[in-house]
Amino acid sequence: MAIYVLLTTLTSEGRQTLHKNPDRLLQVNKEIEQFGCKVLTQYALLGSHDFLTIIEAPDNETAAHLAVDLGSRGSVIPMTLPAMHIDDFIKKLKGPKQMGHA
């Protein structure tokens, strides 16, 4: 499965919901699992985004579908970024396809 970074920002509705029911975070994570994805880790943030969630999803289409579904609720504004393990990236950089060096 592929790895994705899900950055979410709460809307005013989302802040109200979370303030009234902090366990809603865990309920949403269970819903993400039922969607066919896996929550690997999650952090609350300070700054322009409220949460960083690392998920596994079968493919880009599933990750995009998840973001649309979460955003359609009106409680969060999601941003989904595909991620790759640094070892895989280094391996690719060392591979035979090169344009920039002799």
N, C-alpha and C. Protein backbone atom coordinates (compact mmCIF):
# COMPACT_ATOMS: atom_id res chain seq x y z
N MET A 1 0.85 -1.18 0.00
CA MET A 1 0.00 0.00 0.00
C MET A 1 0.89 1.24 0.00
N ALA A 2 0.36 2.31 -0.57
CA ALA A 2 1.09 3.57 -0.66
C ALA A 2 0.87 4.41 0.60
N ILE A 3 1.81 5.30 0.85
CA ILE A 3 1.77 6.16 2.03
C ILE A 3 1.34 7.57 1.60
N TYR A 4 0.50 8.18 2.44
CA TYR A 4 0.02 9.54 2.18
C TYR A 4 0.06 10.35 3.46
N VAL A 5 0.36 11.63 3.30
CA VAL A 5 0.27 12.59 4.40
C VAL A 5 -1.05 13.32 4.22
N LEU A 6 -1.85 13.29 5.24
CA LEU A 6 -3.14 13.98 5.23
C LEU A 6 -3.05 15.14 6.22
N LEU A 7 -3.01 16.36 5.69
CA LEU A 7 -3.02 17.56 6.52
C LEU A 7 -4.44 18.09 6.55
N THR A 8 -4.97 18.29 7.74
CA THR A 8 -6.34 18.78 7.83
C THR A 8 -6.41 20.03 8.69
N THR A 9 -7.31 20.90 8.28
CA THR A 9 -7.60 22.13 9.01
C THR A 9 -9.07 22.09 9.38
N LEU A 10 -9.36 22.30 10.66
CA LEU A 10 -10.74 22.30 11.12
C LEU A 10 -11.48 23.54 10.63
N THR A 11 -12.72 23.37 10.25
CA THR A 11 -13.60 24.50 9.99
C THR A 11 -14.20 24.93 11.33
N SER A 12 -14.95 26.02 11.35
CA SER A 12 -15.57 26.43 12.61
C SER A 12 -16.53 25.34 13.10
N GLU A 13 -17.23 24.70 12.18
CA GLU A 13 -18.12 23.59 12.56
C GLU A 13 -17.32 22.43 13.16
N GLY A 14 -16.18 22.14 12.56
CA GLY A 14 -15.33 21.06 13.06
C GLY A 14 -14.77 21.37 14.44
N ARG A 15 -14.41 22.62 14.68
CA ARG A 15 -13.92 23.01 16.00
C ARG A 15 -15.00 22.83 17.06
N GLN A 16 -16.22 23.22 16.72
CA GLN A 16 -17.33 23.07 17.66
C GLN A 16 -17.58 21.60 17.97
N THR A 17 -17.59 20.77 16.93
CA THR A 17 -17.82 19.34 17.11
C THR A 17 -16.74 18.72 17.99
N LEU A 18 -15.48 19.05 17.69
CA LEU A 18 -14.37 18.47 18.44
C LEU A 18 -14.35 18.96 19.88
N HIS A 19 -14.71 20.20 20.09
CA HIS A 19 -14.75 20.75 21.45
C HIS A 19 -15.80 20.02 22.28
N LYS A 20 -16.95 19.75 21.68
CA LYS A 20 -18.03 19.04 22.38
C LYS A 20 -17.72 17.56 22.56
N ASN A 21 -16.99 16.97 21.59
CA ASN A 21 -16.76 15.53 21.59
C ASN A 21 -15.34 15.22 21.10
N PRO A 22 -14.33 15.34 21.98
CA PRO A 22 -12.94 15.08 21.57
C PRO A 22 -12.71 13.67 21.01
N ASP A 23 -13.51 12.70 21.46
CA ASP A 23 -13.35 11.33 20.96
C ASP A 23 -13.75 11.20 19.49
N ARG A 24 -14.31 12.24 18.92
CA ARG A 24 -14.70 12.21 17.51
C ARG A 24 -13.48 11.92 16.63
N LEU A 25 -12.32 12.37 17.07
CA LEU A 25 -11.08 12.09 16.32
C LEU A 25 -10.89 10.59 16.14
N LEU A 26 -11.06 9.84 17.21
CA LEU A 26 -10.87 8.40 17.14
C LEU A 26 -11.95 7.73 16.30
N GLN A 27 -13.16 8.27 16.35
CA GLN A 27 -14.25 7.73 15.53
C GLN A 27 -13.94 7.92 14.04
N VAL A 28 -13.42 9.09 13.69
CA VAL A 28 -13.08 9.35 12.29
C VAL A 28 -11.96 8.40 11.84
N ASN A 29 -10.99 8.16 12.71
CA ASN A 29 -9.92 7.22 12.35
C ASN A 29 -10.46 5.83 12.08
N LYS A 30 -11.46 5.39 12.85
CA LYS A 30 -12.09 4.10 12.59
C LYS A 30 -12.81 4.11 11.24
N GLU A 31 -13.45 5.23 10.92
CA GLU A 31 -14.13 5.35 9.63
C GLU A 31 -13.12 5.30 8.48
N ILE A 32 -11.95 5.90 8.68
CA ILE A 32 -10.89 5.84 7.67
C ILE A 32 -10.47 4.39 7.44
N GLU A 33 -10.37 3.63 8.51
CA GLU A 33 -10.00 2.21 8.40
C GLU A 33 -11.08 1.44 7.64
N GLN A 34 -12.35 1.74 7.91
CA GLN A 34 -13.45 1.08 7.20
C GLN A 34 -13.48 1.46 5.72
N PHE A 35 -12.85 2.57 5.39
CA PHE A 35 -12.77 3.05 4.01
C PHE A 35 -11.73 2.27 3.21
N GLY A 36 -10.95 1.43 3.91
CA GLY A 36 -9.92 0.65 3.22
C GLY A 36 -8.53 1.23 3.37
N CYS A 37 -8.38 2.21 4.24
CA CYS A 37 -7.08 2.83 4.49
C CYS A 37 -6.67 2.51 5.92
N LYS A 38 -5.42 2.76 6.24
CA LYS A 38 -4.93 2.49 7.59
C LYS A 38 -4.25 3.74 8.14
N VAL A 39 -4.65 4.17 9.33
CA VAL A 39 -3.99 5.29 10.00
C VAL A 39 -2.73 4.75 10.65
N LEU A 40 -1.58 5.26 10.23
CA LEU A 40 -0.31 4.82 10.79
C LEU A 40 0.08 5.64 12.02
N THR A 41 -0.13 6.93 11.95
CA THR A 41 0.15 7.83 13.07
C THR A 41 -0.58 9.14 12.85
N GLN A 42 -0.75 9.88 13.94
CA GLN A 42 -1.49 11.13 13.84
C GLN A 42 -0.98 12.11 14.90
N TYR A 43 -0.90 13.38 14.51
CA TYR A 43 -0.44 14.42 15.41
C TYR A 43 -1.36 15.63 15.33
N ALA A 44 -1.58 16.27 16.46
CA ALA A 44 -2.22 17.58 16.48
C ALA A 44 -1.11 18.60 16.25
N LEU A 45 -1.41 19.63 15.48
CA LEU A 45 -0.41 20.62 15.10
C LEU A 45 -0.79 22.02 15.57
N LEU A 46 0.18 22.87 15.65
CA LEU A 46 -0.02 24.30 15.83
C LEU A 46 0.38 24.95 14.53
N GLY A 47 -0.40 25.90 14.06
CA GLY A 47 -0.06 26.56 12.80
C GLY A 47 -1.22 26.52 11.84
N SER A 48 -0.90 26.48 10.54
CA SER A 48 -1.94 26.57 9.52
C SER A 48 -2.78 25.30 9.37
N HIS A 49 -2.28 24.18 9.85
CA HIS A 49 -3.02 22.92 9.83
C HIS A 49 -3.21 22.45 11.26
N ASP A 50 -4.33 21.78 11.52
CA ASP A 50 -4.63 21.31 12.87
C ASP A 50 -4.17 19.88 13.13
N PHE A 51 -4.11 19.06 12.08
CA PHE A 51 -3.72 17.66 12.26
C PHE A 51 -2.87 17.18 11.09
N LEU A 52 -1.93 16.30 11.41
CA LEU A 52 -1.13 15.59 10.42
C LEU A 52 -1.39 14.11 10.66
N THR A 53 -1.90 13.44 9.65
CA THR A 53 -2.20 12.02 9.74
C THR A 53 -1.45 11.30 8.63
N ILE A 54 -0.71 10.29 8.99
CA ILE A 54 -0.02 9.46 8.00
C ILE A 54 -0.90 8.22 7.80
N ILE A 55 -1.29 8.00 6.54
CA ILE A 55 -2.15 6.86 6.23
C ILE A 55 -1.53 5.99 5.15
N GLU A 56 -1.97 4.76 5.11
CA GLU A 56 -1.71 3.86 3.99
C GLU A 56 -3.02 3.73 3.22
N ALA A 57 -2.92 3.77 1.92
CA ALA A 57 -4.09 3.57 1.06
C ALA A 57 -3.68 2.70 -0.12
N PRO A 58 -4.62 1.97 -0.70
CA PRO A 58 -4.27 1.09 -1.81
C PRO A 58 -3.73 1.82 -3.04
N ASP A 59 -4.21 3.06 -3.27
CA ASP A 59 -3.81 3.77 -4.48
C ASP A 59 -4.21 5.24 -4.38
N ASN A 60 -3.78 6.03 -5.36
CA ASN A 60 -4.08 7.46 -5.39
C ASN A 60 -5.59 7.73 -5.42
N GLU A 61 -6.30 6.92 -6.17
CA GLU A 61 -7.73 7.14 -6.30
C GLU A 61 -8.45 6.98 -4.95
N THR A 62 -8.05 5.99 -4.18
CA THR A 62 -8.66 5.78 -2.87
C THR A 62 -8.32 6.93 -1.92
N ALA A 63 -7.06 7.37 -1.94
CA ALA A 63 -6.65 8.49 -1.09
C ALA A 63 -7.40 9.76 -1.47
N ALA A 64 -7.57 10.00 -2.77
CA ALA A 64 -8.32 11.19 -3.22
C ALA A 64 -9.79 11.08 -2.83
N HIS A 65 -10.36 9.90 -2.99
CA HIS A 65 -11.76 9.67 -2.62
C HIS A 65 -11.95 9.93 -1.13
N LEU A 66 -11.02 9.43 -0.31
CA LEU A 66 -11.08 9.66 1.13
C LEU A 66 -11.07 11.16 1.44
N ALA A 67 -10.18 11.90 0.81
CA ALA A 67 -10.09 13.35 1.04
C ALA A 67 -11.38 14.06 0.66
N VAL A 68 -11.96 13.67 -0.46
CA VAL A 68 -13.23 14.28 -0.89
C VAL A 68 -14.33 13.97 0.12
N ASP A 69 -14.41 12.71 0.54
CA ASP A 69 -15.45 12.33 1.50
C ASP A 69 -15.28 13.06 2.83
N LEU A 70 -14.04 13.13 3.33
CA LEU A 70 -13.82 13.85 4.59
C LEU A 70 -14.16 15.32 4.45
N GLY A 71 -13.75 15.93 3.35
CA GLY A 71 -14.03 17.34 3.12
C GLY A 71 -15.50 17.64 2.91
N SER A 72 -16.24 16.66 2.38
CA SER A 72 -17.66 16.89 2.10
C SER A 72 -18.49 17.02 3.37
N ARG A 73 -17.96 16.60 4.49
CA ARG A 73 -18.68 16.69 5.76
C ARG A 73 -18.77 18.12 6.28
N GLY A 74 -17.85 18.96 5.82
CA GLY A 74 -17.86 20.35 6.24
C GLY A 74 -17.12 20.64 7.53
N SER A 75 -16.50 19.62 8.12
CA SER A 75 -15.81 19.83 9.40
C SER A 75 -14.30 20.02 9.25
N VAL A 76 -13.75 19.59 8.12
CA VAL A 76 -12.31 19.76 7.87
C VAL A 76 -12.07 20.15 6.42
N ILE A 77 -10.93 20.78 6.21
CA ILE A 77 -10.43 21.04 4.86
C ILE A 77 -9.15 20.20 4.74
N PRO A 78 -9.20 19.14 3.93
CA PRO A 78 -8.05 18.24 3.84
C PRO A 78 -7.09 18.61 2.71
N MET A 79 -5.83 18.27 2.91
CA MET A 79 -4.81 18.32 1.86
C MET A 79 -4.10 16.98 1.91
N THR A 80 -4.07 16.28 0.79
CA THR A 80 -3.47 14.94 0.74
C THR A 80 -2.21 14.99 -0.12
N LEU A 81 -1.14 14.46 0.43
CA LEU A 81 0.15 14.45 -0.28
C LEU A 81 0.68 13.02 -0.35
N PRO A 82 1.03 12.53 -1.55
CA PRO A 82 1.66 11.22 -1.61
C PRO A 82 3.07 11.32 -1.01
N ALA A 83 3.48 10.27 -0.34
CA ALA A 83 4.80 10.27 0.30
C ALA A 83 5.54 9.00 -0.08
N MET A 84 6.85 9.06 0.00
CA MET A 84 7.66 7.88 -0.28
C MET A 84 8.73 7.76 0.80
N HIS A 85 9.07 6.54 1.11
CA HIS A 85 10.12 6.32 2.09
C HIS A 85 11.43 6.84 1.51
N ILE A 86 12.24 7.46 2.34
CA ILE A 86 13.48 8.08 1.88
C ILE A 86 14.43 7.06 1.25
N ASP A 87 14.45 5.83 1.75
CA ASP A 87 15.31 4.79 1.16
C ASP A 87 14.91 4.50 -0.28
N ASP A 88 13.61 4.46 -0.55
CA ASP A 88 13.13 4.24 -1.91
C ASP A 88 13.52 5.40 -2.83
N PHE A 89 13.46 6.60 -2.30
CA PHE A 89 13.82 7.78 -3.08
C PHE A 89 15.32 7.76 -3.42
N ILE A 90 16.14 7.45 -2.45
CA ILE A 90 17.59 7.39 -2.69
C ILE A 90 17.91 6.30 -3.72
N LYS A 91 17.24 5.16 -3.61
CA LYS A 91 17.45 4.08 -4.57
C LYS A 91 17.12 4.56 -5.99
N LYS A 92 16.02 5.28 -6.12
CA LYS A 92 15.62 5.80 -7.44
C LYS A 92 16.66 6.78 -7.97
N LEU A 93 17.18 7.64 -7.08
CA LEU A 93 18.20 8.62 -7.50
C LEU A 93 19.48 7.94 -7.96
N LYS A 94 19.78 6.78 -7.41
CA LYS A 94 20.98 6.04 -7.79
C LYS A 94 20.75 5.13 -8.99
N GLY A 95 19.53 5.09 -9.50
CA GLY A 95 19.19 4.20 -10.60
C GLY A 95 19.79 4.61 -11.93
N PRO A 96 19.54 3.81 -12.97
CA PRO A 96 20.17 4.02 -14.28
C PRO A 96 19.62 5.22 -15.04
N LYS A 97 18.41 5.68 -14.76
CA LYS A 97 17.83 6.80 -15.50
C LYS A 97 18.29 8.10 -14.88
N GLN A 98 19.21 8.77 -15.58
CA GLN A 98 19.78 10.03 -15.10
C GLN A 98 19.80 11.04 -16.23
N MET A 99 19.46 12.27 -15.95
CA MET A 99 19.53 13.33 -16.94
C MET A 99 20.60 14.36 -16.61
N GLY A 100 20.92 14.50 -15.33
CA GLY A 100 21.72 15.64 -14.92
C GLY A 100 23.17 15.40 -14.60
N HIS A 101 23.68 14.16 -14.79
CA HIS A 101 25.11 13.99 -14.55
C HIS A 101 25.69 12.98 -15.52
N ALA A 102 26.97 13.10 -15.72
CA ALA A 102 27.65 12.25 -16.72
C ALA A 102 28.21 11.01 -16.10
